[in-house]
Amino acid sequence: MTTIKGILTDPIQRRQFKGEIVIENGKIKEIRELDDVPDHHILPPLVDSHIHIESSMLVPSEFARLAVQHGTVATVSDPHEIANVCGIEGVEYMIENGNKVPLKFYFGAPSCVPATPFETAGAILDVDAVKELLERDEIHYLSEMMNWPGVLNDDPDVLAKIEAAHDLGKPVDGHAPGLKGEKAEKYASAGISTDHECFTKQEALDKIKAGMLISIREGSAAKNYDALIELLGEHPGKIMFCSDDKHPDDLIRGHMNEIVARTLKLGYNLFDTLHACAVLPVQHYNLNVGLLQPGDPADFIVVDSPGTMNVLQTWIDGKPVYQKGEILFPDVDSSVINRFEPYQLEPKNFKLYSEKSEQQIIVAEDGQLITQKETATLRSKNGEILADPDRDILKIAVINRYEKQPPAVGFIKNFGLKNGAIASSVAHDSHNIVAVGSSDEAICEAVNLVMESRGGISAVHGDQKDVLPLPVGGIMSNDSGEIVAKGYERLSKISREMGSTLKAPFMLISFMALLVIPSLKMSDKGLFDGEDFVFVEQ
């Protein structure tokens, strides 16, 4: 039997008191009120209500080592990214690797692999495959239904996947950027219960009205907290917090604890905040995670104060997994799975020939998954349309990683690279290689570095040529989080030396191939309009 004393914060009874927790066989046997306790706070465990572990570029076991330091005990994890690369084998890899550490990973069945028929992925999960996954005890929900046009148009395969989850009593996550009014109502009426893609308050209000829960997202690239946080005060029972995507350098510094501290600093209620980052995710997804109640799993965190959220200890199932600055579980040797067909390209492969000097330009937005679009007249030479770095109009290319095909090439604005290129095989959703640069030569070098590593992120700036290999699926490393974070920071520094002012250029570039987010994106098959779901003539 173990006891721990402090100032307890009960998220269910919504009260604070001095007391001690009595732990037996991994559960809370009893909670006693006391008069004299240490001056630290015991809080319920933090839960990320929607995250792709793969986007940390770390395998689950290594993600866990960093996350527990910030009080994260559980994640609602969508293995959509590795499924796009390796199919069911990839999902199984995430489950098996996550089971080697104490952090509680709750994986879903990816609903949209591939995300659209307009790109090349490494696998297909049809209705039967999704049903097979949902029937497993290790799968806890149907992951984000990105095919919102299919929902609105009553696509039989889409509806069959949703029905399969309902038949098994498992929640269905949403993904419906920009849907409002009747469209939001139709989407929610299919039995889709959450959405983390809102980028305006009115959109979120329409979805709440339609019966949905809203996960306020604050990740490395997509940041919707400022636009949506007022909802916590207005609809506290309908709000959760999530990161969606967290890059390794950010994860070193903090996770959900940062969102809690930020929210409390703005004056929001402590218990409403804890409801969003602990209670509601546990209840909605039926997670086996304790909420500081007798009989619950003994999951909790110890912090110096809720206002700072400096985590002193993290407990999972009655055992400390982090305390006094030390991680109290062993490292894991991680295996490698991948699907990558490397081949070399030449600068001439990245030339774009067209009779149209007027081209549609992708306009990237720092901190957003959405893009805008504009039209610009570009110089041409012998029929070749040229980039214009002086106007910050650069080349963007997406290269099929699964089979040798000509690159798709277009133009993009707001990356700011003056002389060089960056490339990444972390490129949602299909994880083909995406590159942005000022010249065909630099783009080609950056892409070939990724090809040679069978996945990774790279930067080319003059004589500087650097790559962070990501051998697991071409999207994750099996190195330590600290090593990966240093490599990521090194490459980000090179991108800044090229002139980029973006906070997270490698995270942002990964979303330039995300076709299910408006407005203009790039597939390995061409320039794509994410509002009308059609290719754009170049």
Protein backbone atom coordinates (compact mmCIF):
# COMPACT_ATOMS: atom_id res chain seq x y z
CA MET A 1 0.00 0.00 0.00
CA THR A 2 1.26 3.48 -0.95
CA THR A 3 0.11 6.92 0.14
CA ILE A 4 0.76 10.36 -1.29
CA LYS A 5 -0.25 13.63 0.32
CA GLY A 6 -0.92 17.09 -1.04
CA ILE A 7 -3.59 19.59 -2.00
CA LEU A 8 -6.05 17.50 -4.00
CA THR A 9 -8.15 18.84 -6.84
CA ASP A 10 -11.22 16.66 -7.36
CA PRO A 11 -12.43 17.26 -10.95
CA ILE A 12 -15.74 15.46 -10.41
CA GLN A 13 -16.86 17.00 -7.12
CA ARG A 14 -15.18 20.24 -8.26
CA ARG A 15 -13.43 21.00 -4.98
CA GLN A 16 -9.93 21.37 -3.56
CA PHE A 17 -8.85 20.06 -0.15
CA LYS A 18 -5.82 18.85 1.79
CA GLY A 19 -5.61 15.08 1.83
CA GLU A 20 -3.87 11.86 0.91
CA ILE A 21 -4.44 9.16 -1.66
CA VAL A 22 -4.22 5.55 -0.55
CA ILE A 23 -3.07 3.31 -3.42
CA GLU A 24 -3.42 -0.47 -3.55
CA ASN A 25 -2.96 -2.79 -6.53
CA GLY A 26 -2.74 0.12 -8.93
CA LYS A 27 -6.03 1.68 -7.86
CA ILE A 28 -7.15 4.41 -5.49
CA LYS A 29 -8.39 2.52 -2.43
CA GLU A 30 -9.28 5.60 -0.41
CA ILE A 31 -8.96 9.37 -0.26
CA ARG A 32 -8.64 10.93 3.19
CA GLU A 33 -8.84 14.56 4.19
CA LEU A 34 -5.97 15.81 6.38
CA ASP A 35 -4.94 19.02 8.12
CA ASP A 36 -1.23 19.02 7.34
CA VAL A 37 0.10 18.16 3.85
CA PRO A 38 3.03 19.20 1.63
CA ASP A 39 2.58 22.40 -0.34
CA HIS A 40 2.14 20.80 -3.74
CA HIS A 41 -0.97 20.05 -5.79
CA ILE A 42 -2.34 16.68 -6.93
CA LEU A 43 -4.33 17.00 -10.15
CA PRO A 44 -6.11 14.55 -12.44
CA PRO A 45 -3.97 13.24 -15.32
CA LEU A 46 -3.78 15.18 -18.56
CA VAL A 47 -5.23 13.68 -21.74
CA ASP A 48 -4.61 14.82 -25.31
CA SER A 49 -8.02 14.34 -26.92
CA HIS A 50 -6.68 14.05 -30.47
CA ILE A 51 -3.11 13.51 -31.64
CA HIS A 52 -1.16 11.79 -34.37
CA ILE A 53 1.83 10.38 -32.51
CA GLU A 54 3.64 10.02 -35.82
CA SER A 55 3.82 13.78 -36.25
CA SER A 56 6.16 14.00 -33.28
CA MET A 57 8.54 12.04 -35.55
CA LEU A 58 8.88 9.64 -32.61
CA VAL A 59 7.62 6.11 -32.12
CA PRO A 60 5.04 5.80 -29.30
CA SER A 61 7.51 4.46 -26.72
CA GLU A 62 9.79 7.46 -27.23
CA PHE A 63 6.88 9.91 -27.35
CA ALA A 64 5.89 8.57 -23.94
CA ARG A 65 9.29 9.39 -22.42
CA LEU A 66 8.82 13.06 -23.28
CA ALA A 67 5.09 13.34 -22.63
CA VAL A 68 5.07 11.95 -19.08
CA GLN A 69 7.48 14.71 -18.06
CA HIS A 70 4.66 17.16 -18.78
CA GLY A 71 1.90 15.26 -16.99
CA THR A 72 0.41 13.51 -20.01
CA VAL A 73 -0.95 10.12 -18.96
CA ALA A 74 -3.13 9.23 -21.96
CA THR A 75 -3.65 10.14 -25.59
CA VAL A 76 -6.52 9.60 -28.00
CA SER A 77 -4.27 8.65 -30.90
CA ASP A 78 -5.21 8.44 -34.55
CA PRO A 79 -2.69 6.17 -36.38
CA HIS A 80 -3.90 7.52 -39.70
CA GLU A 81 -0.41 8.55 -40.81
CA ILE A 82 1.33 5.20 -40.45
CA ALA A 83 -1.77 3.48 -41.86
CA ASN A 84 -1.44 5.53 -45.05
CA VAL A 85 2.09 4.21 -45.38
CA CYS A 86 1.88 0.62 -44.11
CA GLY A 87 -1.82 -0.20 -43.71
CA ILE A 88 -3.00 -2.45 -40.85
CA GLU A 89 0.60 -3.52 -40.22
CA GLY A 90 1.37 0.08 -39.35
CA VAL A 91 -1.53 0.30 -36.89
CA GLU A 92 -0.37 -2.93 -35.24
CA TYR A 93 3.16 -1.51 -34.99
CA MET A 94 1.88 1.54 -33.08
CA ILE A 95 -0.17 -0.59 -30.67
CA GLU A 96 2.67 -3.04 -29.98
CA ASN A 97 5.28 -0.34 -29.51
CA GLY A 98 2.98 1.70 -27.27
CA ASN A 99 2.27 -1.32 -25.10
CA LYS A 100 5.94 -1.44 -24.08
CA VAL A 101 5.62 1.71 -21.93
CA PRO A 102 3.18 2.78 -19.20
CA LEU A 103 1.62 5.77 -20.96
CA LYS A 104 -1.95 4.92 -22.02
CA PHE A 105 -2.29 5.13 -25.79
CA TYR A 106 -5.87 4.78 -27.05
CA PHE A 107 -5.72 4.15 -30.78
CA GLY A 108 -8.55 4.49 -33.28
CA ALA A 109 -9.33 2.80 -36.60
CA PRO A 110 -8.30 5.13 -39.43
CA SER A 111 -11.43 5.94 -41.40
CA CYS A 112 -9.90 7.41 -44.56
CA VAL A 113 -6.94 5.54 -46.01
CA PRO A 114 -6.22 6.94 -48.49
CA ALA A 115 -7.71 10.25 -47.41
CA THR A 116 -8.87 11.00 -50.96
CA PRO A 117 -8.76 9.29 -54.36
CA PHE A 118 -6.70 12.24 -55.64
CA GLU A 119 -3.34 11.11 -54.23
CA THR A 120 -1.15 8.01 -54.06
CA ALA A 121 -0.91 6.31 -50.68
CA GLY A 122 0.90 3.19 -49.53
CA ALA A 123 -2.22 1.30 -48.47
CA ILE A 124 -6.00 1.09 -48.70
CA LEU A 125 -8.27 0.37 -45.73
CA ASP A 126 -11.67 -0.50 -47.15
CA VAL A 127 -14.88 -1.08 -45.21
CA ASP A 128 -13.95 -4.66 -44.30
CA ALA A 129 -10.50 -3.61 -43.05
CA VAL A 130 -11.98 -0.82 -40.92
CA LYS A 131 -14.54 -3.23 -39.45
CA GLU A 132 -11.76 -5.70 -38.67
CA LEU A 133 -9.87 -3.03 -36.77
CA LEU A 134 -12.95 -1.77 -34.91
CA GLU A 135 -13.68 -5.27 -33.65
CA ARG A 136 -10.36 -5.33 -31.81
CA ASP A 137 -10.30 -4.44 -28.11
CA GLU A 138 -7.19 -2.31 -28.69
CA ILE A 139 -9.14 -0.02 -31.03
CA HIS A 140 -11.34 2.43 -29.16
CA TYR A 141 -13.03 4.63 -31.76
CA LEU A 142 -13.35 5.43 -35.47
CA SER A 143 -10.72 8.05 -36.26
CA GLU A 144 -11.48 11.38 -37.84
CA MET A 145 -13.90 11.11 -40.74
CA MET A 146 -12.10 13.38 -43.20
CA ASN A 147 -14.31 12.48 -46.12
CA TRP A 148 -16.93 15.05 -45.22
CA PRO A 149 -18.16 15.25 -48.85
CA GLY A 150 -18.86 11.52 -48.60
CA VAL A 151 -20.87 12.07 -45.42
CA LEU A 152 -22.88 14.92 -46.93
CA ASN A 153 -23.52 12.92 -50.11
CA ASP A 154 -24.42 9.67 -48.28
CA ASP A 155 -21.52 7.69 -49.71
CA PRO A 156 -22.36 4.06 -48.84
CA ASP A 157 -18.79 3.08 -47.88
CA VAL A 158 -18.41 6.11 -45.61
CA LEU A 159 -21.74 5.43 -43.91
CA ALA A 160 -20.86 1.74 -43.53
CA LYS A 161 -17.69 2.61 -41.60
CA ILE A 162 -19.61 4.94 -39.30
CA GLU A 163 -22.33 2.33 -38.76
CA ALA A 164 -19.72 -0.31 -37.90
CA ALA A 165 -18.39 1.91 -35.10
CA HIS A 166 -21.90 2.62 -33.79
CA ASP A 167 -22.76 -1.08 -33.80
CA LEU A 168 -19.79 -1.69 -31.51
CA GLY A 169 -20.58 1.27 -29.26
CA LYS A 170 -17.44 3.14 -30.26
CA PRO A 171 -17.37 6.93 -30.86
CA VAL A 172 -16.77 8.48 -34.27
CA ASP A 173 -14.39 11.42 -34.54
CA GLY A 174 -14.94 14.21 -37.01
CA HIS A 175 -12.88 16.32 -39.36
CA ALA A 176 -14.96 18.92 -41.14
CA PRO A 177 -13.03 22.17 -41.67
CA GLY A 178 -15.26 25.11 -42.51
CA LEU A 179 -18.61 23.30 -42.32
CA LYS A 180 -21.36 25.49 -40.87
CA GLY A 181 -25.14 25.69 -40.79
CA GLU A 182 -27.04 22.92 -42.54
CA LYS A 183 -23.86 21.19 -43.68
CA ALA A 184 -22.62 20.96 -40.10
CA GLU A 185 -26.00 19.61 -39.03
CA LYS A 186 -25.96 16.96 -41.77
CA TYR A 187 -22.41 15.94 -40.86
CA ALA A 188 -23.20 15.63 -37.14
CA SER A 189 -26.48 13.80 -37.81
CA ALA A 190 -24.48 10.89 -39.25
CA GLY A 191 -23.39 10.17 -35.67
CA ILE A 192 -20.07 12.02 -35.74
CA SER A 193 -19.48 13.38 -32.27
CA THR A 194 -16.35 15.56 -32.27
CA ASP A 195 -14.44 18.04 -34.39
CA HIS A 196 -10.95 19.51 -33.95
CA GLU A 197 -10.76 21.44 -37.23
CA CYS A 198 -12.69 24.62 -36.37
CA PHE A 199 -10.78 27.78 -37.19
CA THR A 200 -13.51 30.32 -36.35
CA LYS A 201 -15.74 30.65 -33.32
CA GLN A 202 -18.90 30.75 -35.43
CA GLU A 203 -18.01 27.46 -37.09
CA ALA A 204 -17.53 25.87 -33.67
CA LEU A 205 -20.82 27.31 -32.40
CA ASP A 206 -22.66 25.82 -35.36
CA LYS A 207 -21.15 22.42 -34.64
CA ILE A 208 -21.96 22.66 -30.92
CA LYS A 209 -25.53 23.53 -31.89
CA ALA A 210 -25.55 20.40 -34.08
CA GLY A 211 -24.58 18.33 -31.03
CA MET A 212 -20.84 17.97 -31.47
CA LEU A 213 -18.00 18.31 -28.97
CA ILE A 214 -15.21 20.70 -29.95
CA SER A 215 -11.54 19.94 -29.38
CA ILE A 216 -9.61 23.20 -29.31
CA ARG A 217 -6.38 22.51 -31.15
CA GLU A 218 -3.03 24.05 -30.31
CA GLY A 219 -0.24 22.14 -32.03
CA SER A 220 3.09 22.96 -33.61
CA ALA A 221 1.64 24.28 -36.88
CA ALA A 222 -2.15 24.46 -36.45
CA LYS A 223 -3.09 26.90 -33.70
CA ASN A 224 -6.77 27.62 -33.10
CA TYR A 225 -6.64 28.36 -29.36
CA ASP A 226 -6.93 32.15 -29.60
CA ALA A 227 -9.89 31.95 -31.98
CA LEU A 228 -11.82 29.41 -29.89
CA ILE A 229 -10.90 29.70 -26.21
CA GLU A 230 -13.93 31.85 -25.38
CA LEU A 231 -16.00 28.71 -25.93
CA LEU A 232 -14.62 27.25 -22.71
CA GLY A 233 -16.39 29.95 -20.73
CA GLU A 234 -19.58 29.82 -22.81
CA HIS A 235 -19.92 26.03 -23.33
CA PRO A 236 -17.60 24.39 -20.79
CA GLY A 237 -19.27 20.99 -21.04
CA LYS A 238 -18.65 20.79 -24.79
CA ILE A 239 -14.93 21.58 -24.97
CA MET A 240 -11.79 19.44 -24.99
CA PHE A 241 -8.16 20.33 -25.70
CA CYS A 242 -5.85 18.64 -28.21
CA SER A 243 -2.56 19.14 -29.99
CA ASP A 244 -3.27 17.11 -33.16
CA ASP A 245 0.36 17.43 -34.24
CA LYS A 246 3.34 18.11 -31.96
CA HIS A 247 6.88 18.31 -33.30
CA PRO A 248 9.76 16.98 -31.19
CA ASP A 249 11.33 20.32 -30.27
CA ASP A 250 7.98 21.56 -28.96
CA LEU A 251 7.31 18.30 -27.12
CA ILE A 252 10.63 18.65 -25.29
CA ARG A 253 9.33 21.94 -23.84
CA GLY A 254 5.76 20.98 -22.96
CA HIS A 255 2.48 19.36 -23.92
CA MET A 256 -1.02 19.66 -22.46
CA ASN A 257 0.37 21.28 -19.30
CA GLU A 258 1.18 24.37 -21.37
CA ILE A 259 -2.44 24.68 -22.49
CA VAL A 260 -3.69 24.35 -18.90
CA ALA A 261 -1.32 27.02 -17.59
CA ARG A 262 -2.17 29.36 -20.47
CA THR A 263 -5.89 28.91 -19.91
CA LEU A 264 -5.71 29.55 -16.18
CA LYS A 265 -3.55 32.63 -16.78
CA LEU A 266 -6.41 34.05 -18.88
CA GLY A 267 -8.73 33.64 -15.88
CA TYR A 268 -10.76 30.62 -16.93
CA ASN A 269 -12.16 28.36 -14.23
CA LEU A 270 -9.81 25.64 -12.97
CA PHE A 271 -12.49 22.95 -12.97
CA ASP A 272 -13.76 23.85 -16.44
CA THR A 273 -10.15 23.64 -17.67
CA LEU A 274 -9.61 20.23 -16.06
CA HIS A 275 -12.94 19.06 -17.48
CA ALA A 276 -11.60 19.87 -20.96
CA CYS A 277 -8.19 18.24 -20.58
CA ALA A 278 -9.13 15.25 -18.41
CA VAL A 279 -12.76 14.57 -17.52
CA LEU A 280 -14.52 14.93 -20.88
CA PRO A 281 -11.97 12.94 -22.93
CA VAL A 282 -12.04 10.12 -20.37
CA GLN A 283 -15.84 10.03 -20.31
CA HIS A 284 -16.45 10.51 -24.03
CA TYR A 285 -13.98 7.88 -25.19
CA ASN A 286 -14.59 5.56 -22.21
CA LEU A 287 -10.90 5.53 -21.32
CA ASN A 288 -9.56 3.42 -18.48
CA VAL A 289 -7.96 6.49 -16.93
CA GLY A 290 -8.49 7.58 -13.35
CA LEU A 291 -10.05 10.89 -12.32
CA LEU A 292 -9.00 10.94 -8.65
CA GLN A 293 -12.00 8.96 -7.43
CA PRO A 294 -11.97 5.94 -5.08
CA GLY A 295 -11.85 2.77 -7.17
CA ASP A 296 -10.26 4.54 -10.16
CA PRO A 297 -6.88 3.61 -11.60
CA ALA A 298 -4.32 5.59 -9.61
CA ASP A 299 -3.49 8.03 -12.41
CA PHE A 300 -2.59 11.58 -11.38
CA ILE A 301 0.08 14.26 -11.52
CA VAL A 302 1.79 16.36 -8.86
CA VAL A 303 2.56 19.98 -9.74
CA ASP A 304 3.99 22.92 -7.85
CA SER A 305 0.82 24.90 -8.64
CA PRO A 306 -1.95 24.78 -11.24
CA GLY A 307 -0.94 28.26 -12.38
CA THR A 308 2.50 27.17 -13.53
CA MET A 309 1.81 23.48 -14.26
CA ASN A 310 5.43 22.62 -13.50
CA VAL A 311 5.12 18.82 -13.24
CA LEU A 312 6.96 17.25 -10.30
CA GLN A 313 5.59 13.72 -10.57
CA THR A 314 3.46 11.66 -12.95
CA TRP A 315 1.74 8.49 -11.71
CA ILE A 316 0.14 5.81 -13.89
CA ASP A 317 -1.71 2.82 -12.43
CA GLY A 318 -0.33 3.48 -8.97
CA LYS A 319 3.32 3.76 -9.97
CA PRO A 320 5.44 6.87 -10.40
CA VAL A 321 6.67 7.04 -14.01
CA TYR A 322 8.35 10.43 -13.66
CA GLN A 323 9.66 12.26 -10.59
CA LYS A 324 12.60 14.42 -9.53
CA GLY A 325 13.43 15.01 -13.19
CA GLU A 326 13.85 11.31 -13.95
CA ILE A 327 11.85 8.98 -16.21
CA LEU A 328 11.21 5.80 -14.24
CA PHE A 329 10.75 3.26 -17.02
CA PRO A 330 13.37 1.77 -19.35
CA ASP A 331 14.10 2.76 -22.93
CA VAL A 332 12.67 0.54 -25.67
CA ASP A 333 14.54 -0.80 -28.69
CA SER A 334 12.21 -0.07 -31.59
CA SER A 335 12.04 -2.06 -34.80
CA VAL A 336 11.61 -0.48 -38.23
CA ILE A 337 8.86 -0.89 -40.79
CA ASN A 338 8.66 1.10 -43.99
CA ARG A 339 7.36 1.27 -47.51
CA PHE A 340 9.56 3.41 -49.72
CA GLU A 341 10.76 3.09 -53.30
CA PRO A 342 13.83 5.35 -53.52
CA TYR A 343 14.92 6.72 -56.89
CA GLN A 344 17.07 9.66 -57.97
CA LEU A 345 15.72 12.76 -59.66
CA GLU A 346 17.34 15.48 -61.76
CA PRO A 347 16.70 19.25 -61.74
CA LYS A 348 14.97 19.01 -65.11
CA ASN A 349 12.26 16.85 -63.47
CA PHE A 350 11.07 19.92 -61.54
CA LYS A 351 10.48 22.24 -64.49
CA LEU A 352 6.91 23.33 -65.19
CA TYR A 353 5.94 24.00 -68.80
CA SER A 354 2.70 25.76 -69.61
CA GLU A 355 1.15 28.11 -72.14
CA LYS A 356 -0.35 30.01 -69.19
CA SER A 357 1.91 32.61 -67.57
CA GLU A 358 -0.90 33.36 -65.13
CA GLN A 359 -0.77 30.68 -62.43
CA GLN A 360 -2.73 29.93 -59.28
CA ILE A 361 -0.48 30.25 -56.23
CA ILE A 362 -0.83 28.40 -52.90
CA VAL A 363 -0.69 31.00 -50.12
CA ALA A 364 0.50 29.33 -46.91
CA GLU A 365 -0.51 30.77 -43.54
CA ASP A 366 1.79 30.45 -40.55
CA GLY A 367 0.08 28.53 -37.75
CA GLN A 368 -2.75 27.25 -39.94
CA LEU A 369 -3.54 24.12 -41.91
CA ILE A 370 -5.72 26.07 -44.31
CA THR A 371 -4.21 27.91 -47.24
CA GLN A 372 -5.48 30.74 -49.39
CA LYS A 373 -5.06 31.08 -53.13
CA GLU A 374 -4.20 33.91 -55.45
CA THR A 375 -3.34 34.37 -59.10
CA ALA A 376 -0.01 35.77 -60.25
CA THR A 377 1.60 36.38 -63.64
CA LEU A 378 4.98 34.68 -63.75
CA ARG A 379 7.88 35.01 -66.16
CA SER A 380 8.38 32.26 -68.70
CA LYS A 381 11.37 31.12 -70.76
CA ASN A 382 10.92 28.83 -73.74
CA GLY A 383 7.57 27.76 -72.32
CA GLU A 384 8.94 27.10 -68.82
CA ILE A 385 7.16 28.98 -66.03
CA LEU A 386 9.70 30.37 -63.56
CA ALA A 387 9.57 30.90 -59.82
CA ASP A 388 10.05 34.43 -58.49
CA PRO A 389 11.89 34.38 -55.12
CA ASP A 390 12.00 38.19 -55.08
CA ARG A 391 8.21 38.13 -54.71
CA ASP A 392 8.43 35.07 -52.43
CA ILE A 393 6.80 32.90 -55.08
CA LEU A 394 8.65 29.61 -54.87
CA LYS A 395 8.36 26.20 -56.48
CA ILE A 396 6.51 23.45 -54.61
CA ALA A 397 6.79 19.83 -55.68
CA VAL A 398 5.22 16.59 -54.47
CA ILE A 399 6.99 13.38 -55.44
CA ASN A 400 5.47 9.90 -55.29
CA ARG A 401 7.49 7.82 -52.80
CA TYR A 402 5.79 4.50 -53.58
CA GLU A 403 6.58 4.22 -57.29
CA LYS A 404 8.63 6.19 -59.80
CA GLN A 405 6.50 8.93 -61.31
CA PRO A 406 7.11 12.47 -62.57
CA PRO A 407 6.86 15.07 -59.77
CA ALA A 408 3.83 17.34 -59.54
CA VAL A 409 4.99 20.97 -59.56
CA GLY A 410 3.33 24.27 -58.69
CA PHE A 411 3.97 27.54 -56.92
CA ILE A 412 3.67 28.67 -53.31
CA LYS A 413 3.98 31.87 -51.32
CA ASN A 414 5.00 32.80 -47.74
CA PHE A 415 7.80 30.29 -47.16
CA GLY A 416 10.37 33.06 -47.58
CA LEU A 417 13.29 30.91 -48.77
CA LYS A 418 15.75 33.11 -50.66
CA ASN A 419 18.36 30.59 -51.69
CA GLY A 420 17.79 26.88 -51.15
CA ALA A 421 15.10 24.30 -50.43
CA ILE A 422 13.55 22.10 -47.77
CA ALA A 423 11.89 18.72 -48.24
CA SER A 424 9.97 16.25 -46.10
CA SER A 425 8.41 12.80 -46.35
CA VAL A 426 6.20 13.78 -43.43
CA ALA A 427 3.50 15.05 -45.76
CA HIS A 428 -0.09 14.48 -44.72
CA ASP A 429 -1.92 12.37 -45.58
CA SER A 430 -0.17 10.02 -47.96
CA HIS A 431 3.38 11.00 -46.97
CA ASN A 432 4.79 11.44 -50.39
CA ILE A 433 7.78 13.79 -50.48
CA VAL A 434 6.92 17.49 -50.51
CA ALA A 435 9.55 20.14 -51.23
CA VAL A 436 9.65 23.94 -51.44
CA GLY A 437 12.58 25.90 -52.81
CA SER A 438 13.98 28.79 -54.78
CA SER A 439 15.52 26.71 -57.59
CA ASP A 440 15.08 23.37 -59.31
CA GLU A 441 18.65 22.41 -58.38
CA ALA A 442 18.11 22.99 -54.65
CA ILE A 443 14.74 21.24 -54.66
CA CYS A 444 16.25 18.25 -56.44
CA GLU A 445 19.10 17.97 -53.92
CA ALA A 446 16.71 18.20 -50.96
CA VAL A 447 14.41 15.54 -52.42
CA ASN A 448 17.27 13.17 -53.20
CA LEU A 449 18.54 13.44 -49.62
CA VAL A 450 15.13 12.24 -48.41
CA MET A 451 15.05 9.49 -51.05
CA GLU A 452 18.49 8.20 -50.03
CA SER A 453 17.37 7.99 -46.38
CA ARG A 454 14.11 6.24 -47.31
CA GLY A 455 12.32 9.04 -45.48
CA GLY A 456 13.22 12.13 -43.54
CA ILE A 457 13.36 15.91 -43.57
CA SER A 458 16.14 17.79 -45.35
CA ALA A 459 17.49 21.26 -46.04
CA VAL A 460 19.84 22.52 -48.74
CA HIS A 461 21.42 25.97 -48.51
CA GLY A 462 24.53 26.55 -50.61
CA ASP A 463 27.14 24.09 -49.37
CA GLN A 464 24.96 23.10 -46.42
CA LYS A 465 23.17 19.83 -47.06
CA ASP A 466 21.54 18.16 -44.07
CA VAL A 467 18.96 15.44 -43.45
CA LEU A 468 17.21 13.96 -40.42
CA PRO A 469 16.47 10.33 -41.37
CA LEU A 470 13.03 8.96 -40.43
CA PRO A 471 13.33 5.23 -41.15
CA VAL A 472 10.09 4.13 -39.44
CA GLY A 473 7.51 4.47 -42.17
CA GLY A 474 9.48 7.40 -43.55
CA ILE A 475 7.75 9.52 -40.90
CA MET A 476 9.29 8.54 -37.53
CA SER A 477 12.74 8.01 -36.05
CA ASN A 478 13.74 5.19 -33.72
CA ASP A 479 16.29 7.47 -32.03
CA SER A 480 15.71 9.24 -28.72
CA GLY A 481 13.46 12.26 -28.53
CA GLU A 482 16.43 14.43 -27.58
CA ILE A 483 18.42 13.39 -30.66
CA VAL A 484 15.45 13.90 -32.97
CA ALA A 485 14.64 17.29 -31.43
CA LYS A 486 18.23 18.46 -31.94
CA GLY A 487 18.19 17.31 -35.55
CA TYR A 488 14.87 19.02 -36.14
CA GLU A 489 16.12 22.27 -34.58
CA ARG A 490 19.29 22.10 -36.68
CA LEU A 491 17.29 21.85 -39.90
CA SER A 492 14.87 24.56 -38.78
CA LYS A 493 17.88 26.83 -38.20
CA ILE A 494 19.06 26.24 -41.76
CA SER A 495 15.59 27.16 -43.08
CA ARG A 496 15.75 30.42 -41.12
CA GLU A 497 19.18 31.14 -42.56
CA MET A 498 17.54 30.83 -45.98
CA GLY A 499 15.10 33.56 -45.01
CA SER A 500 12.07 31.72 -43.67
CA THR A 501 10.29 33.47 -40.80
CA LEU A 502 7.82 30.62 -40.25
CA LYS A 503 7.59 29.27 -36.69
CA ALA A 504 7.59 25.64 -37.86
CA PRO A 505 8.47 25.42 -41.57
CA PHE A 506 8.75 21.62 -41.60
CA MET A 507 5.39 21.21 -39.89
CA LEU A 508 3.78 23.69 -42.26
CA ILE A 509 5.26 22.10 -45.39
CA SER A 510 3.84 18.74 -44.28
CA PHE A 511 0.32 20.17 -44.57
CA MET A 512 0.76 21.55 -48.08
CA ALA A 513 -0.19 18.08 -49.40
CA LEU A 514 -3.21 17.78 -47.08
CA LEU A 515 -5.98 17.80 -49.66
CA VAL A 516 -8.89 17.57 -47.22
CA ILE A 517 -8.12 21.05 -45.82
CA PRO A 518 -9.01 24.07 -48.00
CA SER A 519 -8.18 25.85 -50.06
CA LEU A 520 -5.36 25.13 -52.52
CA LYS A 521 -2.95 22.21 -51.98
CA MET A 522 -0.58 19.99 -53.96
CA SER A 523 -0.94 16.26 -54.55
CA ASP A 524 1.56 13.95 -56.19
CA LYS A 525 -0.95 14.05 -59.07
CA GLY A 526 -1.20 17.84 -59.39
CA LEU A 527 -2.48 21.14 -57.99
CA PHE A 528 -5.71 20.55 -56.08
CA ASP A 529 -8.63 22.73 -55.02
CA GLY A 530 -9.72 21.51 -51.57
CA GLU A 531 -13.00 23.44 -51.66
CA ASP A 532 -14.35 22.03 -54.91
CA PHE A 533 -12.35 18.75 -54.70
CA VAL A 534 -11.01 19.06 -58.25
CA PHE A 535 -7.58 19.38 -59.85
CA VAL A 536 -6.57 22.83 -61.08
CA GLU A 537 -5.40 23.30 -64.66
CA GLN A 538 -1.89 24.74 -64.82
